[in-house]
């Protein structure tokens, strides 16, 4: 493959990774909105267990039918670690929704893309240029604007989404570490395994038999979880973490929309201003990827 072909292939992979991440954020926020509705009625361990159990059932059905050999992981330790991080992340978010507004949780938890981009340097040995770093900084500033100087009074509950952000960042980093090892199907299958077991152990401490609507929402929650994490795996398979991670901030825009339409939480001026900064920063990062690809193609010509 020539230098030009490599540059064009890299650009195509970057676009694919970004597209998968954009779809991932929409699915994640839809999942979180469903989660918040459910935890108002049902214990959060029960809701989390339903989310993971349905996901595991879907994943098993898909993998077992397509290729049973993918049920065996080459790196089971990393797969379980990744699954455990997701379990803790889900539980922290579920508890957060019991005490904080929907948009606020999304804003605080979405410092994760900054953490991913920063941690990708020491943990993944990826290079982050100053222009891309500037775009990530813009995304972070946008998140801080959305939080606002006085919209959230500091309380212990804020530590929950902050902890979720750290778990999310580490989860995405570990997902990236699996690239080139286990297949997408194998990683997809193992994603919800630890969560199903961990949350299942908590079920005896609280159980509310769901009605038909509640059961349907729990099944929907699990299906959304399965689809969103499959898309996330594809995003990090297609492109490097520093490229796709900043686009995780678009989840804030979906959170604002859901907060307004589903939970009646009107966005503040800070939310709108921060959203514009995030979009602008994301577009800038995407533009820089295209410039880099064209420059690489030009050198290879």
Protein backbone atom coordinates (compact mmCIF):
# COMPACT_ATOMS: atom_id res chain seq x y z
CA UNK A 1 0.00 0.00 0.00
CA UNK A 2 1.39 3.41 -0.99
CA UNK A 3 1.62 6.40 1.34
CA UNK A 4 -1.31 8.01 -0.46
CA UNK A 5 -3.46 4.90 -0.07
CA UNK A 6 -2.55 4.67 3.60
CA UNK A 7 -3.49 8.31 4.18
CA UNK A 8 -6.83 7.88 2.41
CA UNK A 9 -7.51 4.66 4.31
CA UNK A 10 -6.75 6.47 7.59
CA UNK A 11 -9.16 9.26 6.68
CA UNK A 12 -11.87 6.76 5.82
CA UNK A 13 -11.31 4.91 9.11
CA UNK A 14 -11.48 8.20 11.01
CA UNK A 15 -14.81 9.11 9.40
CA UNK A 16 -16.21 5.66 10.13
CA UNK A 17 -15.09 5.85 13.76
CA UNK A 18 -16.68 9.27 14.19
CA UNK A 19 -19.95 8.09 12.60
CA UNK A 20 -20.10 5.09 14.93
CA UNK A 21 -19.42 7.34 17.93
CA UNK A 22 -22.21 9.76 16.95
CA UNK A 23 -24.67 6.87 16.79
CA UNK A 24 -23.30 5.54 20.08
CA UNK A 25 -24.00 8.81 21.91
CA UNK A 26 -27.61 8.91 20.71
CA UNK A 27 -28.19 5.35 21.88
CA UNK A 28 -26.44 5.94 25.20
CA UNK A 29 -28.57 8.99 26.04
CA UNK A 30 -31.76 7.16 25.02
CA UNK A 31 -30.67 4.35 27.32
CA UNK A 32 -29.97 6.79 30.16
CA UNK A 33 -33.37 8.44 29.73
CA UNK A 34 -35.04 5.03 29.96
CA UNK A 35 -32.87 4.22 33.00
CA UNK A 36 -33.92 7.41 34.75
CA UNK A 37 -37.60 6.68 34.18
CA UNK A 38 -37.21 3.19 35.62
CA UNK A 39 -35.20 4.08 38.75
CA UNK A 40 -38.01 6.37 39.89
CA UNK A 41 -40.14 3.24 40.44
CA UNK A 42 -37.81 0.25 40.73
CA UNK A 43 -34.62 -0.38 42.80
CA UNK A 44 -31.55 0.56 40.81
CA UNK A 45 -29.85 -2.87 41.22
CA UNK A 46 -32.95 -4.47 39.68
CA UNK A 47 -32.99 -2.02 36.76
CA UNK A 48 -29.25 -2.47 36.18
CA UNK A 49 -29.58 -6.25 36.33
CA UNK A 50 -32.39 -6.21 33.76
CA UNK A 51 -30.28 -3.99 31.51
CA UNK A 52 -27.30 -6.38 31.64
CA UNK A 53 -29.30 -9.63 31.54
CA UNK A 54 -31.20 -8.61 28.39
CA UNK A 55 -27.96 -7.42 26.82
CA UNK A 56 -26.27 -10.74 27.64
CA UNK A 57 -29.18 -12.73 26.20
CA UNK A 58 -29.09 -10.73 22.96
CA UNK A 59 -25.33 -10.99 22.69
CA UNK A 60 -25.37 -14.75 23.33
CA UNK A 61 -28.05 -15.27 20.70
CA UNK A 62 -26.16 -13.22 18.11
CA UNK A 63 -22.73 -14.72 18.76
CA UNK A 64 -23.90 -18.32 19.21
CA UNK A 65 -25.78 -18.21 15.90
CA UNK A 66 -23.12 -16.43 13.85
CA UNK A 67 -19.98 -18.03 15.25
CA UNK A 68 -19.95 -20.01 18.52
CA UNK A 69 -16.14 -19.95 18.56
CA UNK A 70 -16.31 -16.23 19.42
CA UNK A 71 -17.80 -17.12 22.82
CA UNK A 72 -14.24 -17.93 23.96
CA UNK A 73 -12.07 -14.88 24.65
CA UNK A 74 -8.35 -14.77 23.92
CA UNK A 75 -7.90 -12.17 26.67
CA UNK A 76 -10.55 -13.07 29.28
CA UNK A 77 -8.94 -11.03 32.06
CA UNK A 78 -9.18 -7.77 30.13
CA UNK A 79 -12.69 -8.63 28.97
CA UNK A 80 -13.88 -9.17 32.56
CA UNK A 81 -12.16 -5.97 33.70
CA UNK A 82 -13.92 -4.05 30.95
CA UNK A 83 -17.26 -5.61 31.86
CA UNK A 84 -16.75 -4.82 35.57
CA UNK A 85 -15.99 -1.17 34.77
CA UNK A 86 -19.26 -0.97 32.86
CA UNK A 87 -21.15 -2.51 35.79
CA UNK A 88 -19.79 0.05 38.25
CA UNK A 89 -20.41 2.85 35.73
CA UNK A 90 -24.05 1.84 35.29
CA UNK A 91 -24.69 1.61 39.03
CA UNK A 92 -23.15 5.05 39.64
CA UNK A 93 -25.25 6.62 36.90
CA UNK A 94 -28.42 4.92 38.18
CA UNK A 95 -27.88 6.29 41.68
CA UNK A 96 -27.05 9.73 40.24
CA UNK A 97 -30.45 9.92 38.57
CA UNK A 98 -32.12 9.49 41.95
CA UNK A 99 -30.67 12.77 43.22
CA UNK A 100 -29.58 15.00 40.29
CA UNK A 101 -31.31 16.42 37.18
CA UNK A 102 -30.88 14.53 33.91
CA UNK A 103 -28.91 17.22 32.06
CA UNK A 104 -26.65 17.88 35.04
CA UNK A 105 -25.66 14.21 35.29
CA UNK A 106 -24.93 14.12 31.56
CA UNK A 107 -22.84 17.28 31.75
CA UNK A 108 -20.71 16.12 34.67
CA UNK A 109 -20.28 12.55 33.41
CA UNK A 110 -19.19 13.81 30.00
CA UNK A 111 -15.79 14.88 31.15
CA UNK A 112 -15.04 11.26 30.14
CA UNK A 113 -13.96 12.13 26.55
CA UNK A 114 -11.32 14.50 27.95
CA UNK A 115 -10.11 11.76 30.28
CA UNK A 116 -10.02 9.26 27.39
CA UNK A 117 -7.98 11.60 25.21
CA UNK A 118 -5.57 12.39 28.05
CA UNK A 119 -5.22 8.78 29.22
CA UNK A 120 -4.75 7.53 25.64
CA UNK A 121 -1.25 9.06 25.69
CA UNK A 122 0.28 7.10 28.64
CA UNK A 123 -1.93 4.00 28.40
CA UNK A 124 -2.30 3.55 24.62
CA UNK A 125 0.84 5.39 23.49
CA UNK A 126 -1.22 7.46 21.05
CA UNK A 127 -0.13 10.89 19.86
CA UNK A 128 -2.33 13.93 20.46
CA UNK A 129 -1.19 17.01 18.54
CA UNK A 130 -1.67 20.50 19.92
CA UNK A 131 -4.48 21.32 17.47
CA UNK A 132 -6.47 18.26 18.43
CA UNK A 133 -5.67 18.99 22.06
CA UNK A 134 -7.05 22.49 21.55
CA UNK A 135 -10.28 21.00 20.20
CA UNK A 136 -10.56 18.70 23.22
CA UNK A 137 -9.99 21.68 25.51
CA UNK A 138 -12.82 23.48 23.73
CA UNK A 139 -15.11 20.49 24.39
CA UNK A 140 -14.16 20.55 28.06
CA UNK A 141 -14.83 24.30 28.32
CA UNK A 142 -18.22 23.72 26.72
CA UNK A 143 -19.03 21.10 29.34
CA UNK A 144 -18.03 23.48 32.12
CA UNK A 145 -20.24 26.20 30.62
CA UNK A 146 -23.18 23.81 30.63
CA UNK A 147 -22.62 23.01 34.28
CA UNK A 148 -22.63 26.75 34.92
CA UNK A 149 -21.11 28.73 37.77
CA UNK A 150 -24.13 28.42 40.02
CA UNK A 151 -26.43 25.80 38.52
CA UNK A 152 -25.13 22.95 40.68
CA UNK A 153 -24.38 23.42 44.36
CA UNK A 154 -21.56 21.10 45.34
CA UNK A 155 -22.82 18.08 47.21
CA UNK A 156 -21.67 14.53 47.70
CA UNK A 157 -23.98 13.35 44.91
CA UNK A 158 -21.81 15.13 42.33
CA UNK A 159 -19.06 12.62 43.13
CA UNK A 160 -21.28 9.89 41.65
CA UNK A 161 -21.28 11.13 38.03
CA UNK A 162 -17.63 12.14 38.41
CA UNK A 163 -16.84 8.57 39.41
CA UNK A 164 -18.95 7.38 36.48
CA UNK A 165 -16.91 9.60 34.14
CA UNK A 166 -13.66 8.02 35.33
CA UNK A 167 -15.10 4.50 34.94
CA UNK A 168 -16.37 5.44 31.50
CA UNK A 169 -12.95 6.72 30.43
CA UNK A 170 -11.20 3.58 31.68
CA UNK A 171 -13.88 1.43 30.04
CA UNK A 172 -13.25 3.08 26.68
CA UNK A 173 -9.47 2.80 27.10
CA UNK A 174 -9.77 -0.93 27.85
CA UNK A 175 -12.06 -1.29 24.82
CA UNK A 176 -9.27 0.21 22.74
CA UNK A 177 -6.72 -2.21 24.27
CA UNK A 178 -8.77 -5.12 22.92
CA UNK A 179 -8.35 -3.93 19.33
CA UNK A 180 -6.51 -6.51 17.30
CA UNK A 181 -7.05 -9.18 19.96
CA UNK A 182 -10.55 -10.51 20.47
CA UNK A 183 -13.11 -10.03 17.74
CA UNK A 184 -15.94 -7.51 17.91
CA UNK A 185 -18.40 -10.33 18.54
CA UNK A 186 -16.37 -11.69 21.46
CA UNK A 187 -16.09 -8.27 23.09
CA UNK A 188 -19.79 -7.67 22.49
CA UNK A 189 -20.64 -10.92 24.27
CA UNK A 190 -18.45 -10.26 27.33
CA UNK A 191 -19.60 -6.64 27.76
CA UNK A 192 -22.52 -7.38 30.09
CA UNK A 193 -21.26 -10.54 31.78
CA UNK A 194 -19.85 -8.98 34.98
CA UNK A 195 -22.84 -6.65 35.31
CA UNK A 196 -25.32 -9.52 35.10
CA UNK A 197 -23.51 -11.40 37.89
CA UNK A 198 -22.76 -8.39 40.12
CA UNK A 199 -26.24 -6.86 39.93
CA UNK A 200 -27.79 -10.30 40.22
CA UNK A 201 -26.09 -10.70 43.61
CA UNK A 202 -27.81 -7.48 44.76
CA UNK A 203 -31.32 -8.58 43.76
CA UNK A 204 -32.20 -10.24 47.10
CA UNK A 205 -31.74 -6.88 48.83
CA UNK A 206 -34.60 -5.29 46.90
CA UNK A 207 -37.06 -6.50 44.28
CA UNK A 208 -40.24 -4.93 42.91
CA UNK A 209 -42.16 -7.08 40.45
CA UNK A 210 -42.50 -4.94 37.31
CA UNK A 211 -45.82 -4.35 35.61
CA UNK A 212 -46.18 -4.78 31.83
CA UNK A 213 -44.92 -1.27 31.08
CA UNK A 214 -41.99 -1.61 33.45
CA UNK A 215 -41.01 -4.99 31.99
CA UNK A 216 -41.19 -3.60 28.45
CA UNK A 217 -39.00 -0.65 29.41
CA UNK A 218 -36.47 -3.00 31.02
CA UNK A 219 -36.29 -5.06 27.84
CA UNK A 220 -35.90 -1.85 25.82
CA UNK A 221 -33.15 -0.72 28.21
CA UNK A 222 -31.21 -3.94 27.64
CA UNK A 223 -31.65 -3.76 23.88
CA UNK A 224 -30.42 -0.16 23.83
CA UNK A 225 -27.45 -1.19 25.96
CA UNK A 226 -26.54 -4.00 23.58
CA UNK A 227 -26.79 -1.79 20.49
CA UNK A 228 -24.93 1.16 22.02
CA UNK A 229 -21.97 -0.91 23.18
CA UNK A 230 -21.74 -2.73 19.88
CA UNK A 231 -21.51 0.67 18.18
CA UNK A 232 -18.88 1.82 20.70
CA UNK A 233 -16.78 -1.26 19.96
CA UNK A 234 -17.03 -0.54 16.24
CA UNK A 235 -16.04 3.10 16.80
CA UNK A 236 -12.82 2.18 18.60
CA UNK A 237 -12.08 -0.59 16.12
CA UNK A 238 -12.29 1.86 13.21
CA UNK A 239 -10.22 4.75 14.62
CA UNK A 240 -7.91 5.78 17.45
CA UNK A 241 -9.28 6.96 20.78
CA UNK A 242 -8.09 10.55 20.47
CA UNK A 243 -10.04 10.93 17.20
CA UNK A 244 -13.41 9.52 18.24
CA UNK A 245 -13.52 10.30 21.97
CA UNK A 246 -14.23 14.06 21.66
CA UNK A 247 -17.41 13.29 19.73
CA UNK A 248 -18.76 11.68 22.86
CA UNK A 249 -19.61 15.23 23.89
CA UNK A 250 -22.52 15.24 21.44
CA UNK A 251 -24.37 13.21 24.06
CA UNK A 252 -24.84 16.51 25.92
CA UNK A 253 -26.93 17.81 23.06
CA UNK A 254 -29.14 14.72 23.13
CA UNK A 255 -29.37 15.03 26.91
CA UNK A 256 -30.66 18.59 26.59
CA UNK A 257 -33.29 17.41 24.11
CA UNK A 258 -34.43 14.52 26.29
CA UNK A 259 -34.38 16.71 29.38
CA UNK A 260 -36.70 19.18 27.69
CA UNK A 261 -39.09 16.78 25.94
CA UNK A 262 -39.22 13.89 28.43
CA UNK A 263 -38.44 15.37 31.84
CA UNK A 264 -39.59 18.97 31.36
CA UNK A 265 -36.16 20.42 32.22
CA UNK A 266 -35.65 23.53 30.10
CA UNK A 267 -31.99 24.15 29.21
CA UNK A 268 -30.41 27.28 30.62
CA UNK A 269 -28.45 29.86 28.65
CA UNK A 270 -25.29 28.19 29.94
CA UNK A 271 -26.46 24.86 28.51
CA UNK A 272 -27.15 26.35 25.09
CA UNK A 273 -23.85 28.27 25.00
CA UNK A 274 -21.88 25.22 26.12
CA UNK A 275 -23.58 23.07 23.51
CA UNK A 276 -22.52 25.45 20.74
CA UNK A 277 -18.92 25.39 21.99
CA UNK A 278 -18.96 21.59 22.01
CA UNK A 279 -20.33 21.35 18.47
CA UNK A 280 -17.81 23.90 17.20
CA UNK A 281 -14.94 22.04 18.86
CA UNK A 282 -16.09 18.71 17.43
CA UNK A 283 -16.35 20.17 13.92
CA UNK A 284 -12.85 21.64 14.31
CA UNK A 285 -11.40 18.27 15.30
CA UNK A 286 -13.11 16.62 12.32
CA UNK A 287 -11.75 19.36 10.02
CA UNK A 288 -8.22 18.80 11.33
CA UNK A 289 -8.52 15.08 10.57
CA UNK A 290 -9.43 15.89 6.96
CA UNK A 291 -6.53 18.35 6.63
CA UNK A 292 -4.09 15.76 8.00
CA UNK A 293 -5.40 13.18 5.54
CA UNK A 294 -5.03 15.55 2.57
CA UNK A 295 -1.52 16.55 3.67
CA UNK A 296 -0.56 12.89 3.98
CA UNK A 297 -2.01 12.16 0.56
CA UNK A 298 -0.10 15.10 -0.92
CA UNK A 299 3.22 13.88 0.49
CA UNK A 300 2.60 10.40 -0.83
CA UNK A 301 1.76 11.58 -4.34
